[in-house]
Amino acid sequence: MLLLKIIGQKEAIKEIDFNTLGLLIGMMILVMITKRSGVFEYIAIKLVKIARASPKKIMIYLSFTTGLLSALLDNVTTIMLIIPITLNITEELNISPIPLIITEVFASNVGGTGTLIG
């Protein structure tokens, strides 16, 4: 919009929601720190053991978990927490992460409608 001169630079800066940017940057930092601690790997291993390495069960469990988390957190935060777990699982099982991620996105949207927080 700046390049097409629809709005000016001062107006564009005034329209930025810095609270949302702060939340997203903060969550990215928390996810990065949590990933280094090994929590995502631990959760992924537990989930695969419970599902007995069945991709269908893994998809159901991840979707259910995503929906529950979305009811308590915002959707972006939930996806940022679940995707590393999904990528760890799919890498170890040599399956495509795309179907799991798509169902998680849908579950996040559905779960987010359950409460005012979501």
PDB file of N, CA and C in Angstrom:
ATOM      1  N   MET A   1       0.826  -1.188   0.000  1.00  0.00           N
ATOM      2  CA  MET A   1       0.000   0.000   0.000  1.00  0.00           C
ATOM      3  C   MET A   1       0.872   1.254   0.000  1.00  0.00           C
ATOM      4  N   LEU A   2       2.045   1.125   0.631  1.00  0.00           N
ATOM      5  CA  LEU A   2       2.978   2.252   0.610  1.00  0.00           C
ATOM      6  C   LEU A   2       3.534   2.478  -0.790  1.00  0.00           C
ATOM      7  N   LEU A   3       3.877   1.375  -1.463  1.00  0.00           N
ATOM      8  CA  LEU A   3       4.434   1.493  -2.808  1.00  0.00           C
ATOM      9  C   LEU A   3       3.428   2.063  -3.792  1.00  0.00           C
ATOM     10  N   LEU A   4       2.167   1.737  -3.620  1.00  0.00           N
ATOM     11  CA  LEU A   4       1.121   2.246  -4.508  1.00  0.00           C
ATOM     12  C   LEU A   4       0.597   3.608  -4.054  1.00  0.00           C
ATOM     13  N   LYS A   5       1.162   4.119  -2.964  1.00  0.00           N
ATOM     14  CA  LYS A   5       0.811   5.424  -2.395  1.00  0.00           C
ATOM     15  C   LYS A   5      -0.673   5.542  -2.051  1.00  0.00           C
ATOM     16  N   ILE A   6      -1.227   4.412  -1.570  1.00  0.00           N
ATOM     17  CA  ILE A   6      -2.616   4.431  -1.113  1.00  0.00           C
ATOM     18  C   ILE A   6      -2.685   5.111   0.249  1.00  0.00           C
ATOM     19  N   ILE A   7      -1.684   4.827   1.093  1.00  0.00           N
ATOM     20  CA  ILE A   7      -1.572   5.508   2.381  1.00  0.00           C
ATOM     21  C   ILE A   7      -0.130   5.968   2.550  1.00  0.00           C
ATOM     22  N   GLY A   8       0.053   6.950   3.404  1.00  0.00           N
ATOM     23  CA  GLY A   8       1.386   7.458   3.674  1.00  0.00           C
ATOM     24  C   GLY A   8       2.093   6.649   4.758  1.00  0.00           C
ATOM     25  N   GLN A   9       3.390   6.904   4.907  1.00  0.00           N
ATOM     26  CA  GLN A   9       4.189   6.150   5.866  1.00  0.00           C
ATOM     27  C   GLN A   9       3.745   6.422   7.307  1.00  0.00           C
ATOM     28  N   LYS A  10       3.441   7.647   7.642  1.00  0.00           N
ATOM     29  CA  LYS A  10       3.003   7.966   9.005  1.00  0.00           C
ATOM     30  C   LYS A  10       1.693   7.270   9.333  1.00  0.00           C
ATOM     31  N   GLU A  11       0.766   7.247   8.387  1.00  0.00           N
ATOM     32  CA  GLU A  11      -0.524   6.585   8.613  1.00  0.00           C
ATOM     33  C   GLU A  11      -0.332   5.076   8.748  1.00  0.00           C
ATOM     34  N   ALA A  12       0.575   4.506   7.956  1.00  0.00           N
ATOM     35  CA  ALA A  12       0.836   3.064   8.025  1.00  0.00           C
ATOM     36  C   ALA A  12       1.414   2.684   9.382  1.00  0.00           C
ATOM     37  N   ILE A  13       2.348   3.480   9.878  1.00  0.00           N
ATOM     38  CA  ILE A  13       2.958   3.203  11.181  1.00  0.00           C
ATOM     39  C   ILE A  13       1.924   3.352  12.292  1.00  0.00           C
ATOM     40  N   LYS A  14       1.018   4.311  12.158  1.00  0.00           N
ATOM     41  CA  LYS A  14      -0.020   4.519  13.156  1.00  0.00           C
ATOM     42  C   LYS A  14      -0.984   3.327  13.225  1.00  0.00           C
ATOM     43  N   GLU A  15      -1.150   2.621  12.130  1.00  0.00           N
ATOM     44  CA  GLU A  15      -2.091   1.500  12.067  1.00  0.00           C
ATOM     45  C   GLU A  15      -1.496   0.173  12.556  1.00  0.00           C
ATOM     46  N   ILE A  16      -0.211   0.130  12.844  1.00  0.00           N
ATOM     47  CA  ILE A  16       0.421  -1.108  13.319  1.00  0.00           C
ATOM     48  C   ILE A  16      -0.021  -1.384  14.744  1.00  0.00           C
ATOM     49  N   ASP A  17      -0.451  -2.603  14.993  1.00  0.00           N
ATOM     50  CA  ASP A  17      -0.856  -3.013  16.341  1.00  0.00           C
ATOM     51  C   ASP A  17       0.361  -3.636  17.032  1.00  0.00           C
ATOM     52  N   PHE A  18       1.050  -2.831  17.819  1.00  0.00           N
ATOM     53  CA  PHE A  18       2.274  -3.282  18.455  1.00  0.00           C
ATOM     54  C   PHE A  18       2.015  -4.306  19.562  1.00  0.00           C
ATOM     55  N   ASN A  19       0.809  -4.309  20.129  1.00  0.00           N
ATOM     56  CA  ASN A  19       0.464  -5.331  21.125  1.00  0.00           C
ATOM     57  C   ASN A  19       0.468  -6.718  20.489  1.00  0.00           C
ATOM     58  N   THR A  20      -0.103  -6.828  19.307  1.00  0.00           N
ATOM     59  CA  THR A  20      -0.128  -8.108  18.599  1.00  0.00           C
ATOM     60  C   THR A  20       1.280  -8.518  18.193  1.00  0.00           C
ATOM     61  N   LEU A  21       2.051  -7.585  17.683  1.00  0.00           N
ATOM     62  CA  LEU A  21       3.441  -7.898  17.315  1.00  0.00           C
ATOM     63  C   LEU A  21       4.241  -8.356  18.526  1.00  0.00           C
ATOM     64  N   GLY A  22       4.055  -7.698  19.657  1.00  0.00           N
ATOM     65  CA  GLY A  22       4.751  -8.088  20.880  1.00  0.00           C
ATOM     66  C   GLY A  22       4.364  -9.484  21.327  1.00  0.00           C
ATOM     67  N   LEU A  23       3.070  -9.803  21.243  1.00  0.00           N
ATOM     68  CA  LEU A  23       2.604 -11.133  21.605  1.00  0.00           C
ATOM     69  C   LEU A  23       3.231 -12.193  20.711  1.00  0.00           C
ATOM     70  N   LEU A  24       3.220 -11.961  19.407  1.00  0.00           N
ATOM     71  CA  LEU A  24       3.770 -12.952  18.477  1.00  0.00           C
ATOM     72  C   LEU A  24       5.275 -13.119  18.645  1.00  0.00           C
ATOM     73  N   ILE A  25       5.992 -12.034  18.809  1.00  0.00           N
ATOM     74  CA  ILE A  25       7.439 -12.120  19.001  1.00  0.00           C
ATOM     75  C   ILE A  25       7.750 -12.825  20.327  1.00  0.00           C
ATOM     76  N   GLY A  26       6.998 -12.496  21.365  1.00  0.00           N
ATOM     77  CA  GLY A  26       7.183 -13.165  22.655  1.00  0.00           C
ATOM     78  C   GLY A  26       6.929 -14.663  22.568  1.00  0.00           C
ATOM     79  N   MET A  27       5.890 -15.053  21.854  1.00  0.00           N
ATOM     80  CA  MET A  27       5.588 -16.479  21.704  1.00  0.00           C
ATOM     81  C   MET A  27       6.673 -17.176  20.879  1.00  0.00           C
ATOM     82  N   MET A  28       7.198 -16.511  19.868  1.00  0.00           N
ATOM     83  CA  MET A  28       8.284 -17.099  19.083  1.00  0.00           C
ATOM     84  C   MET A  28       9.508 -17.345  19.955  1.00  0.00           C
ATOM     85  N   ILE A  29       9.800 -16.413  20.838  1.00  0.00           N
ATOM     86  CA  ILE A  29      10.933 -16.570  21.756  1.00  0.00           C
ATOM     87  C   ILE A  29      10.680 -17.737  22.710  1.00  0.00           C
ATOM     88  N   LEU A  30       9.470 -17.806  23.272  1.00  0.00           N
ATOM     89  CA  LEU A  30       9.140 -18.909  24.177  1.00  0.00           C
ATOM     90  C   LEU A  30       9.212 -20.268  23.471  1.00  0.00           C
ATOM     91  N   VAL A  31       8.727 -20.336  22.248  1.00  0.00           N
ATOM     92  CA  VAL A  31       8.787 -21.593  21.494  1.00  0.00           C
ATOM     93  C   VAL A  31      10.238 -21.979  21.233  1.00  0.00           C
ATOM     94  N   MET A  32      11.077 -21.017  20.891  1.00  0.00           N
ATOM     95  CA  MET A  32      12.485 -21.303  20.634  1.00  0.00           C
ATOM     96  C   MET A  32      13.180 -21.829  21.899  1.00  0.00           C
ATOM     97  N   ILE A  33      12.921 -21.205  23.035  1.00  0.00           N
ATOM     98  CA  ILE A  33      13.522 -21.647  24.294  1.00  0.00           C
ATOM     99  C   ILE A  33      13.008 -23.026  24.679  1.00  0.00           C
ATOM    100  N   THR A  34      11.702 -23.222  24.528  1.00  0.00           N
ATOM    101  CA  THR A  34      11.101 -24.512  24.865  1.00  0.00           C
ATOM    102  C   THR A  34      11.635 -25.616  23.966  1.00  0.00           C
ATOM    103  N   LYS A  35      11.844 -25.302  22.700  1.00  0.00           N
ATOM    104  CA  LYS A  35      12.372 -26.304  21.765  1.00  0.00           C
ATOM    105  C   LYS A  35      13.771 -26.744  22.196  1.00  0.00           C
ATOM    106  N   ARG A  36      14.578 -25.815  22.640  1.00  0.00           N
ATOM    107  CA  ARG A  36      15.940 -26.159  23.077  1.00  0.00           C
ATOM    108  C   ARG A  36      15.936 -27.030  24.327  1.00  0.00           C
ATOM    109  N   SER A  37      14.882 -26.932  25.129  1.00  0.00           N
ATOM    110  CA  SER A  37      14.823 -27.722  26.363  1.00  0.00           C
ATOM    111  C   SER A  37      14.485 -29.183  26.107  1.00  0.00           C
ATOM    112  N   GLY A  38      13.957 -29.499  24.933  1.00  0.00           N
ATOM    113  CA  GLY A  38      13.626 -30.878  24.604  1.00  0.00           C
ATOM    114  C   GLY A  38      12.194 -31.274  24.938  1.00  0.00           C
ATOM    115  N   VAL A  39      11.378 -30.319  25.336  1.00  0.00           N
ATOM    116  CA  VAL A  39       9.995 -30.619  25.693  1.00  0.00           C
ATOM    117  C   VAL A  39       9.222 -31.150  24.489  1.00  0.00           C
ATOM    118  N   PHE A  40       9.441 -30.570  23.325  1.00  0.00           N
ATOM    119  CA  PHE A  40       8.704 -31.005  22.134  1.00  0.00           C
ATOM    120  C   PHE A  40       9.049 -32.443  21.762  1.00  0.00           C
ATOM    121  N   GLU A  41      10.323 -32.799  21.886  1.00  0.00           N
ATOM    122  CA  GLU A  41      10.729 -34.166  21.591  1.00  0.00           C
ATOM    123  C   GLU A  41      10.098 -35.140  22.585  1.00  0.00           C
ATOM    124  N   TYR A  42      10.064 -34.759  23.839  1.00  0.00           N
ATOM    125  CA  TYR A  42       9.460 -35.606  24.872  1.00  0.00           C
ATOM    126  C   TYR A  42       7.975 -35.841  24.587  1.00  0.00           C
ATOM    127  N   ILE A  43       7.254 -34.758  24.293  1.00  0.00           N
ATOM    128  CA  ILE A  43       5.825 -34.878  23.995  1.00  0.00           C
ATOM    129  C   ILE A  43       5.609 -35.721  22.747  1.00  0.00           C
ATOM    130  N   ALA A  44       6.455 -35.517  21.735  1.00  0.00           N
ATOM    131  CA  ALA A  44       6.319 -36.292  20.491  1.00  0.00           C
ATOM    132  C   ALA A  44       6.515 -37.782  20.749  1.00  0.00           C
ATOM    133  N   ILE A  45       7.510 -38.131  21.539  1.00  0.00           N
ATOM    134  CA  ILE A  45       7.778 -39.543  21.842  1.00  0.00           C
ATOM    135  C   ILE A  45       6.611 -40.149  22.617  1.00  0.00           C
ATOM    136  N   LYS A  46       6.107 -39.437  23.613  1.00  0.00           N
ATOM    137  CA  LYS A  46       4.967 -39.937  24.395  1.00  0.00           C
ATOM    138  C   LYS A  46       3.742 -40.136  23.512  1.00  0.00           C
ATOM    139  N   LEU A  47       3.480 -39.168  22.634  1.00  0.00           N
ATOM    140  CA  LEU A  47       2.316 -39.253  21.759  1.00  0.00           C
ATOM    141  C   LEU A  47       2.403 -40.438  20.807  1.00  0.00           C
ATOM    142  N   VAL A  48       3.585 -40.654  20.239  1.00  0.00           N
ATOM    143  CA  VAL A  48       3.771 -41.774  19.316  1.00  0.00           C
ATOM    144  C   VAL A  48       3.614 -43.102  20.051  1.00  0.00           C
ATOM    145  N   LYS A  49       4.105 -43.178  21.276  1.00  0.00           N
ATOM    146  CA  LYS A  49       3.944 -44.407  22.055  1.00  0.00           C
ATOM    147  C   LYS A  49       2.476 -44.685  22.357  1.00  0.00           C
ATOM    148  N   ILE A  50       1.740 -43.643  22.739  1.00  0.00           N
ATOM    149  CA  ILE A  50       0.315 -43.815  23.041  1.00  0.00           C
ATOM    150  C   ILE A  50      -0.445 -44.241  21.782  1.00  0.00           C
ATOM    151  N   ALA A  51      -0.097 -43.644  20.644  1.00  0.00           N
ATOM    152  CA  ALA A  51      -0.781 -43.947  19.384  1.00  0.00           C
ATOM    153  C   ALA A  51      -0.236 -45.199  18.714  1.00  0.00           C
ATOM    154  N   ARG A  52       0.804 -45.780  19.292  1.00  0.00           N
ATOM    155  CA  ARG A  52       1.459 -46.967  18.731  1.00  0.00           C
ATOM    156  C   ARG A  52       1.890 -46.753  17.281  1.00  0.00           C
ATOM    157  N   ALA A  53       2.381 -45.550  17.003  1.00  0.00           N
ATOM    158  CA  ALA A  53       2.936 -45.141  15.703  1.00  0.00           C
ATOM    159  C   ALA A  53       1.928 -45.206  14.567  1.00  0.00           C
ATOM    160  N   SER A  54       0.652 -45.193  14.873  1.00  0.00           N
ATOM    161  CA  SER A  54      -0.391 -45.184  13.840  1.00  0.00           C
ATOM    162  C   SER A  54      -0.628 -43.745  13.390  1.00  0.00           C
ATOM    163  N   PRO A  55      -0.358 -43.431  12.115  1.00  0.00           N
ATOM    164  CA  PRO A  55      -0.542 -42.049  11.643  1.00  0.00           C
ATOM    165  C   PRO A  55      -1.963 -41.515  11.855  1.00  0.00           C
ATOM    166  N   LYS A  56      -2.975 -42.375  11.702  1.00  0.00           N
ATOM    167  CA  LYS A  56      -4.358 -41.916  11.904  1.00  0.00           C
ATOM    168  C   LYS A  56      -4.597 -41.526  13.357  1.00  0.00           C
ATOM    169  N   LYS A  57      -4.120 -42.355  14.280  1.00  0.00           N
ATOM    170  CA  LYS A  57      -4.288 -42.040  15.698  1.00  0.00           C
ATOM    171  C   LYS A  57      -3.494 -40.795  16.075  1.00  0.00           C
ATOM    172  N   ILE A  58      -2.301 -40.660  15.516  1.00  0.00           N
ATOM    173  CA  ILE A  58      -1.478 -39.483  15.791  1.00  0.00           C
ATOM    174  C   ILE A  58      -2.213 -38.229  15.328  1.00  0.00           C
ATOM    175  N   MET A  59      -2.823 -38.297  14.137  1.00  0.00           N
ATOM    176  CA  MET A  59      -3.561 -37.138  13.621  1.00  0.00           C
ATOM    177  C   MET A  59      -4.742 -36.799  14.537  1.00  0.00           C
ATOM    178  N   ILE A  60      -5.439 -37.801  15.001  1.00  0.00           N
ATOM    179  CA  ILE A  60      -6.581 -37.566  15.899  1.00  0.00           C
ATOM    180  C   ILE A  60      -6.107 -36.955  17.212  1.00  0.00           C
ATOM    181  N   TYR A  61      -5.057 -37.518  17.803  1.00  0.00           N
ATOM    182  CA  TYR A  61      -4.558 -37.004  19.084  1.00  0.00           C
ATOM    183  C   TYR A  61      -4.024 -35.578  18.959  1.00  0.00           C
ATOM    184  N   LEU A  62      -3.282 -35.318  17.891  1.00  0.00           N
ATOM    185  CA  LEU A  62      -2.750 -33.966  17.695  1.00  0.00           C
ATOM    186  C   LEU A  62      -3.877 -32.966  17.449  1.00  0.00           C
ATOM    187  N   SER A  63      -4.872 -33.365  16.679  1.00  0.00           N
ATOM    188  CA  SER A  63      -6.002 -32.470  16.409  1.00  0.00           C
ATOM    189  C   SER A  63      -6.778 -32.173  17.686  1.00  0.00           C
ATOM    190  N   PHE A  64      -7.017 -33.192  18.480  1.00  0.00           N
ATOM    191  CA  PHE A  64      -7.734 -33.010  19.746  1.00  0.00           C
ATOM    192  C   PHE A  64      -6.944 -32.089  20.676  1.00  0.00           C
ATOM    193  N   THR A  65      -5.644 -32.318  20.783  1.00  0.00           N
ATOM    194  CA  THR A  65      -4.789 -31.479  21.624  1.00  0.00           C
ATOM    195  C   THR A  65      -4.780 -30.037  21.131  1.00  0.00           C
ATOM    196  N   THR A  66      -4.703 -29.866  19.813  1.00  0.00           N
ATOM    197  CA  THR A  66      -4.709 -28.523  19.232  1.00  0.00           C
ATOM    198  C   THR A  66      -6.007 -27.802  19.536  1.00  0.00           C
ATOM    199  N   GLY A  67      -7.123 -28.495  19.405  1.00  0.00           N
ATOM    200  CA  GLY A  67      -8.415 -27.889  19.709  1.00  0.00           C
ATOM    201  C   GLY A  67      -8.523 -27.453  21.152  1.00  0.00           C
ATOM    202  N   LEU A  68      -8.059 -28.308  22.069  1.00  0.00           N
ATOM    203  CA  LEU A  68      -8.098 -27.952  23.490  1.00  0.00           C
ATOM    204  C   LEU A  68      -7.204 -26.751  23.799  1.00  0.00           C
ATOM    205  N   LEU A  69      -6.001 -26.762  23.241  1.00  0.00           N
ATOM    206  CA  LEU A  69      -5.094 -25.634  23.480  1.00  0.00           C
ATOM    207  C   LEU A  69      -5.648 -24.337  22.901  1.00  0.00           C
ATOM    208  N   SER A  70      -6.313 -24.432  21.749  1.00  0.00           N
ATOM    209  CA  SER A  70      -6.872 -23.229  21.123  1.00  0.00           C
ATOM    210  C   SER A  70      -7.998 -22.625  21.946  1.00  0.00           C
ATOM    211  N   ALA A  71      -8.673 -23.446  22.726  1.00  0.00           N
ATOM    212  CA  ALA A  71      -9.713 -22.906  23.589  1.00  0.00           C
ATOM    213  C   ALA A  71      -9.105 -22.097  24.734  1.00  0.00           C
ATOM    214  N   LEU A  72      -7.859 -22.398  25.077  1.00  0.00           N
ATOM    215  CA  LEU A  72      -7.198 -21.718  26.193  1.00  0.00           C
ATOM    216  C   LEU A  72      -6.224 -20.636  25.754  1.00  0.00           C
ATOM    217  N   LEU A  73      -5.655 -20.787  24.561  1.00  0.00           N
ATOM    218  CA  LEU A  73      -4.693 -19.829  24.022  1.00  0.00           C
ATOM    219  C   LEU A  73      -5.223 -19.302  22.690  1.00  0.00           C
ATOM    220  N   ASP A  74      -4.548 -18.318  22.129  1.00  0.00           N
ATOM    221  CA  ASP A  74      -4.957 -17.873  20.804  1.00  0.00           C
ATOM    222  C   ASP A  74      -4.449 -18.864  19.750  1.00  0.00           C
ATOM    223  N   ASN A  75      -5.029 -18.798  18.565  1.00  0.00           N
ATOM    224  CA  ASN A  75      -4.756 -19.784  17.522  1.00  0.00           C
ATOM    225  C   ASN A  75      -3.297 -19.799  17.075  1.00  0.00           C
ATOM    226  N   VAL A  76      -2.714 -18.625  16.905  1.00  0.00           N
ATOM    227  CA  VAL A  76      -1.329 -18.553  16.430  1.00  0.00           C
ATOM    228  C   VAL A  76      -0.383 -19.197  17.440  1.00  0.00           C
ATOM    229  N   THR A  77      -0.582 -18.906  18.717  1.00  0.00           N
ATOM    230  CA  THR A  77       0.251 -19.492  19.762  1.00  0.00           C
ATOM    231  C   THR A  77       0.117 -21.003  19.778  1.00  0.00           C
ATOM    232  N   THR A  78      -1.102 -21.485  19.657  1.00  0.00           N
ATOM    233  CA  THR A  78      -1.338 -22.927  19.658  1.00  0.00           C
ATOM    234  C   THR A  78      -0.619 -23.595  18.499  1.00  0.00           C
ATOM    235  N   ILE A  79      -0.747 -23.036  17.319  1.00  0.00           N
ATOM    236  CA  ILE A  79      -0.090 -23.616  16.143  1.00  0.00           C
ATOM    237  C   ILE A  79       1.423 -23.568  16.314  1.00  0.00           C
ATOM    238  N   MET A  80       1.937 -22.479  16.887  1.00  0.00           N
ATOM    239  CA  MET A  80       3.387 -22.382  17.090  1.00  0.00           C
ATOM    240  C   MET A  80       3.888 -23.415  18.089  1.00  0.00           C
ATOM    241  N   LEU A  81       3.041 -23.836  19.012  1.00  0.00           N
ATOM    242  CA  LEU A  81       3.435 -24.859  19.969  1.00  0.00           C
ATOM    243  C   LEU A  81       3.298 -26.273  19.397  1.00  0.00           C
ATOM    244  N   ILE A  82       2.294 -26.512  18.568  1.00  0.00           N
ATOM    245  CA  ILE A  82       2.008 -27.852  18.060  1.00  0.00           C
ATOM    246  C   ILE A  82       2.856 -28.225  16.849  1.00  0.00           C
ATOM    247  N   ILE A  83       3.149 -27.281  15.986  1.00  0.00           N
ATOM    248  CA  ILE A  83       3.886 -27.591  14.753  1.00  0.00           C
ATOM    249  C   ILE A  83       5.247 -28.230  15.016  1.00  0.00           C
ATOM    250  N   PRO A  84       6.050 -27.757  15.982  1.00  0.00           N
ATOM    251  CA  PRO A  84       7.327 -28.445  16.227  1.00  0.00           C
ATOM    252  C   PRO A  84       7.147 -29.908  16.639  1.00  0.00           C
ATOM    253  N   ILE A  85       6.103 -30.185  17.408  1.00  0.00           N
ATOM    254  CA  ILE A  85       5.822 -31.573  17.787  1.00  0.00           C
ATOM    255  C   ILE A  85       5.468 -32.387  16.552  1.00  0.00           C
ATOM    256  N   THR A  86       4.628 -31.830  15.712  1.00  0.00           N
ATOM    257  CA  THR A  86       4.219 -32.505  14.484  1.00  0.00           C
ATOM    258  C   THR A  86       5.417 -32.780  13.579  1.00  0.00           C
ATOM    259  N   LEU A  87       6.283 -31.801  13.428  1.00  0.00           N
ATOM    260  CA  LEU A  87       7.452 -31.984  12.557  1.00  0.00           C
ATOM    261  C   LEU A  87       8.394 -33.048  13.110  1.00  0.00           C
ATOM    262  N   ASN A  88       8.557 -33.093  14.436  1.00  0.00           N
ATOM    263  CA  ASN A  88       9.390 -34.142  15.037  1.00  0.00           C
ATOM    264  C   ASN A  88       8.813 -35.525  14.759  1.00  0.00           C
ATOM    265  N   ILE A  89       7.511 -35.662  14.937  1.00  0.00           N
ATOM    266  CA  ILE A  89       6.866 -36.960  14.721  1.00  0.00           C
ATOM    267  C   ILE A  89       6.956 -37.386  13.266  1.00  0.00           C
ATOM    268  N   THR A  90       6.625 -36.483  12.364  1.00  0.00           N
ATOM    269  CA  THR A  90       6.625 -36.860  10.946  1.00  0.00           C
ATOM    270  C   THR A  90       8.030 -37.143  10.426  1.00  0.00           C
ATOM    271  N   GLU A  91       9.006 -36.458  10.968  1.00  0.00           N
ATOM    272  CA  GLU A  91      10.395 -36.721  10.559  1.00  0.00           C
ATOM    273  C   GLU A  91      10.833 -38.116  10.995  1.00  0.00           C
ATOM    274  N   GLU A  92      10.484 -38.490  12.217  1.00  0.00           N
ATOM    275  CA  GLU A  92      10.867 -39.809  12.728  1.00  0.00           C
ATOM    276  C   GLU A  92      10.123 -40.948  12.034  1.00  0.00           C
ATOM    277  N   LEU A  93       8.860 -40.712  11.684  1.00  0.00           N
ATOM    278  CA  LEU A  93       8.056 -41.758  11.042  1.00  0.00           C
ATOM    279  C   LEU A  93       8.137 -41.731   9.517  1.00  0.00           C
ATOM    280  N   ASN A  94       8.874 -40.763   8.967  1.00  0.00           N
ATOM    281  CA  ASN A  94       9.016 -40.605   7.518  1.00  0.00           C
ATOM    282  C   ASN A  94       7.670 -40.508   6.814  1.00  0.00           C
ATOM    283  N   ILE A  95       6.788 -39.661   7.357  1.00  0.00           N
ATOM    284  CA  ILE A  95       5.508 -39.393   6.715  1.00  0.00           C
ATOM    285  C   ILE A  95       5.405 -37.895   6.434  1.00  0.00           C
ATOM    286  N   SER A  96       4.499 -37.527   5.543  1.00  0.00           N
ATOM    287  CA  SER A  96       4.326 -36.121   5.180  1.00  0.00           C
ATOM    288  C   SER A  96       3.637 -35.358   6.318  1.00  0.00           C
ATOM    289  N   PRO A  97       4.159 -34.182   6.671  1.00  0.00           N
ATOM    290  CA  PRO A  97       3.528 -33.405   7.739  1.00  0.00           C
ATOM    291  C   PRO A  97       2.304 -32.619   7.271  1.00  0.00           C
ATOM    292  N   ILE A  98       2.131 -32.480   5.963  1.00  0.00           N
ATOM    293  CA  ILE A  98       1.072 -31.616   5.429  1.00  0.00           C
ATOM    294  C   ILE A  98      -0.331 -32.007   5.903  1.00  0.00           C
ATOM    295  N   PRO A  99      -0.753 -33.278   5.797  1.00  0.00           N
ATOM    296  CA  PRO A  99      -2.110 -33.608   6.264  1.00  0.00           C
ATOM    297  C   PRO A  99      -2.312 -33.335   7.756  1.00  0.00           C
ATOM    298  N   LEU A 100      -1.289 -33.602   8.548  1.00  0.00           N
ATOM    299  CA  LEU A 100      -1.393 -33.347   9.983  1.00  0.00           C
ATOM    300  C   LEU A 100      -1.518 -31.852  10.270  1.00  0.00           C
ATOM    301  N   ILE A 101      -0.717 -31.060   9.597  1.00  0.00           N
ATOM    302  CA  ILE A 101      -0.740 -29.610   9.820  1.00  0.00           C
ATOM    303  C   ILE A 101      -2.078 -29.023   9.394  1.00  0.00           C
ATOM    304  N   ILE A 102      -2.613 -29.484   8.275  1.00  0.00           N
ATOM    305  CA  ILE A 102      -3.910 -28.969   7.818  1.00  0.00           C
ATOM    306  C   ILE A 102      -5.007 -29.293   8.831  1.00  0.00           C
ATOM    307  N   THR A 103      -5.016 -30.517   9.345  1.00  0.00           N
ATOM    308  CA  THR A 103      -6.046 -30.852  10.339  1.00  0.00           C
ATOM    309  C   THR A 103      -5.835 -30.080  11.640  1.00  0.00           C
ATOM    310  N   GLU A 104      -4.599 -29.800  11.984  1.00  0.00           N
ATOM    311  CA  GLU A 104      -4.325 -29.005  13.181  1.00  0.00           C
ATOM    312  C   GLU A 104      -4.810 -27.568  13.028  1.00  0.00           C
ATOM    313  N   VAL A 105      -4.650 -27.022  11.835  1.00  0.00           N
ATOM    314  CA  VAL A 105      -5.135 -25.662  11.585  1.00  0.00           C
ATOM    315  C   VAL A 105      -6.654 -25.613  11.725  1.00  0.00           C
ATOM    316  N   PHE A 106      -7.336 -26.600  11.146  1.00  0.00           N
ATOM    317  CA  PHE A 106      -8.799 -26.658  11.296  1.00  0.00           C
ATOM    318  C   PHE A 106      -9.189 -26.837  12.755  1.00  0.00           C
ATOM    319  N   ALA A 107      -8.496 -27.721  13.456  1.00  0.00           N
ATOM    320  CA  ALA A 107      -8.801 -27.957  14.872  1.00  0.00           C
ATOM    321  C   ALA A 107      -8.556 -26.699  15.703  1.00  0.00           C
ATOM    322  N   SER A 108      -7.528 -25.949  15.357  1.00  0.00           N
ATOM    323  CA  SER A 108      -7.233 -24.705  16.059  1.00  0.00           C
ATOM    324  C   SER A 108      -8.354 -23.690  15.862  1.00  0.00           C
ATOM    325  N   ASN A 109      -8.840 -23.592  14.640  1.00  0.00           N
ATOM    326  CA  ASN A 109      -9.941 -22.656  14.380  1.00  0.00           C
ATOM    327  C   ASN A 109     -11.225 -23.080  15.091  1.00  0.00           C
ATOM    328  N   VAL A 110     -11.529 -24.360  15.070  1.00  0.00           N
ATOM    329  CA  VAL A 110     -12.731 -24.852  15.731  1.00  0.00           C
ATOM    330  C   VAL A 110     -12.596 -24.698  17.245  1.00  0.00           C
ATOM    331  N   GLY A 111     -11.459 -25.077  17.804  1.00  0.00           N
ATOM    332  CA  GLY A 111     -11.241 -24.961  19.236  1.00  0.00           C
ATOM    333  C   GLY A 111     -11.259 -23.523  19.717  1.00  0.00           C
ATOM    334  N   GLY A 112     -10.789 -22.621  18.874  1.00  0.00           N
ATOM    335  CA  GLY A 112     -10.754 -21.213  19.237  1.00  0.00           C
ATOM    336  C   GLY A 112     -12.135 -20.585  19.366  1.00  0.00           C
ATOM    337  N   THR A 113     -13.137 -21.201  18.753  1.00  0.00           N
ATOM    338  CA  THR A 113     -14.492 -20.672  18.859  1.00  0.00           C
ATOM    339  C   THR A 113     -15.182 -21.091  20.165  1.00  0.00           C
ATOM    340  N   GLY A 114     -14.559 -21.996  20.893  1.00  0.00           N
ATOM    341  CA  GLY A 114     -15.184 -22.530  22.100  1.00  0.00           C
ATOM    342  C   GLY A 114     -15.198 -21.592  23.284  1.00  0.00           C
ATOM    343  N   THR A 115     -14.239 -20.670  23.355  1.00  0.00           N
ATOM    344  CA  THR A 115     -14.172 -19.747  24.486  1.00  0.00           C
ATOM    345  C   THR A 115     -13.860 -18.341  23.989  1.00  0.00           C
ATOM    346  N   LEU A 116     -14.032 -17.373  24.854  1.00  0.00           N
ATOM    347  CA  LEU A 116     -13.702 -15.996  24.474  1.00  0.00           C
ATOM    348  C   LEU A 116     -12.203 -15.807  24.328  1.00  0.00           C
ATOM    349  N   ILE A 117     -11.412 -16.545  25.101  1.00  0.00           N
ATOM    350  CA  ILE A 117      -9.951 -16.446  24.996  1.00  0.00           C
ATOM    351  C   ILE A 117      -9.492 -16.912  23.627  1.00  0.00           C
ATOM    352  N   GLY A 118     -10.022 -18.050  23.206  1.00  0.00           N
ATOM    353  CA  GLY A 118      -9.650 -18.609  21.909  1.00  0.00           C
ATOM    354  C   GLY A 118     -10.056 -17.710  20.773  1.00  0.00           C
TER     355      GLY A 118
END
